[in-house]
Amino acid sequence: MTFDQQYKIAQWMKKKPEAKLSEKRLGKILRKSPLPSVRELTAFHIMQQQVLNGKYSDEWTNRLSETIWKGLEPDPVY
């Protein structure tokens, strides 16, 4: 899954915290959501890394951690 697709799904999850994500709904989200800007993707990446490092948590990021981010590790720090 591409990073911009993750962004689109995350924005949908943020707006609809209780909704189930079916394959049909996923296709619709990916087709109809506008492409995020580089600025939006950068902010999303920073937030993702904070979540993966345990520095940020809320309801919708917890949902991401249990679904599309399950098993992801934070980026290495060089």
Protein backbone atom coordinates (compact mmCIF):
# COMPACT_ATOMS: atom_id res chain seq x y z
CA MET A 1 0.00 0.00 0.00
CA THR A 2 1.42 3.38 -0.97
CA PHE A 3 1.91 6.14 1.55
CA ASP A 4 -0.67 8.41 -0.10
CA GLN A 5 -3.19 5.53 0.10
CA GLN A 6 -2.42 5.20 3.82
CA TYR A 7 -3.03 8.94 4.17
CA LYS A 8 -6.42 8.69 2.45
CA ILE A 9 -7.48 5.78 4.67
CA ALA A 10 -6.23 7.57 7.78
CA GLN A 11 -8.23 10.68 6.95
CA TRP A 12 -11.35 8.57 6.46
CA MET A 13 -10.75 6.77 9.78
CA LYS A 14 -10.27 10.12 11.51
CA LYS A 15 -13.65 11.35 10.22
CA LYS A 16 -15.50 8.06 10.82
CA PRO A 17 -13.98 6.46 13.92
CA GLU A 18 -16.62 3.73 14.30
CA ALA A 19 -17.16 2.77 10.65
CA LYS A 20 -15.98 -0.55 9.21
CA LEU A 21 -13.70 -0.48 6.19
CA SER A 22 -14.95 -2.96 3.60
CA GLU A 23 -13.17 -3.66 0.31
CA LYS A 24 -15.90 -1.80 -1.58
CA ARG A 25 -15.58 1.24 0.70
CA LEU A 26 -11.79 1.11 0.46
CA GLY A 27 -11.97 1.26 -3.34
CA LYS A 28 -14.32 4.23 -3.15
CA ILE A 29 -12.07 6.07 -0.69
CA LEU A 30 -8.99 5.53 -2.83
CA ARG A 31 -10.76 6.63 -6.04
CA LYS A 32 -12.63 9.66 -4.71
CA SER A 33 -10.23 11.16 -2.17
CA PRO A 34 -8.02 13.91 -3.54
CA LEU A 35 -4.28 13.36 -3.71
CA PRO A 36 -2.57 14.76 -0.63
CA SER A 37 0.01 17.51 -0.94
CA VAL A 38 3.64 16.99 -0.05
CA ARG A 39 3.04 19.09 3.07
CA GLU A 40 0.14 16.85 4.14
CA LEU A 41 2.19 13.70 3.54
CA THR A 42 5.13 15.14 5.49
CA ALA A 43 2.91 15.99 8.47
CA PHE A 44 1.34 12.53 8.25
CA HIS A 45 4.77 10.86 8.21
CA ILE A 46 5.91 12.84 11.27
CA MET A 47 2.72 11.89 13.12
CA GLN A 48 3.10 8.24 12.07
CA GLN A 49 6.64 8.13 13.42
CA GLN A 50 5.53 9.70 16.71
CA VAL A 51 2.82 7.06 17.05
CA LEU A 52 5.21 4.21 16.20
CA ASN A 53 7.72 5.55 18.76
CA GLY A 54 5.00 5.75 21.44
CA LYS A 55 5.13 9.55 21.67
CA TYR A 56 1.58 10.22 20.44
CA SER A 57 -1.70 8.39 20.73
CA ASP A 58 -5.38 9.06 20.28
CA GLU A 59 -8.43 7.10 19.17
CA TRP A 60 -7.93 7.18 15.42
CA THR A 61 -4.15 6.65 15.52
CA ASN A 62 -4.72 3.64 17.79
CA ARG A 63 -7.08 2.30 15.13
CA LEU A 64 -4.38 2.80 12.48
CA SER A 65 -1.87 0.98 14.69
CA GLU A 66 -4.24 -1.98 14.92
CA THR A 67 -4.93 -2.10 11.16
CA ILE A 68 -2.78 -0.68 8.37
CA TRP A 69 0.22 0.07 10.62
CA LYS A 70 0.14 -3.28 12.40
CA GLY A 71 3.66 -4.69 12.56
CA LEU A 72 5.33 -1.48 11.34
CA GLU A 73 8.49 -0.34 13.07
CA PRO A 74 9.57 3.30 13.35
CA ASP A 75 12.16 4.55 10.90
CA PRO A 76 15.73 4.09 12.15
CA VAL A 77 17.46 7.16 13.55
CA TYR A 78 20.90 7.66 12.10
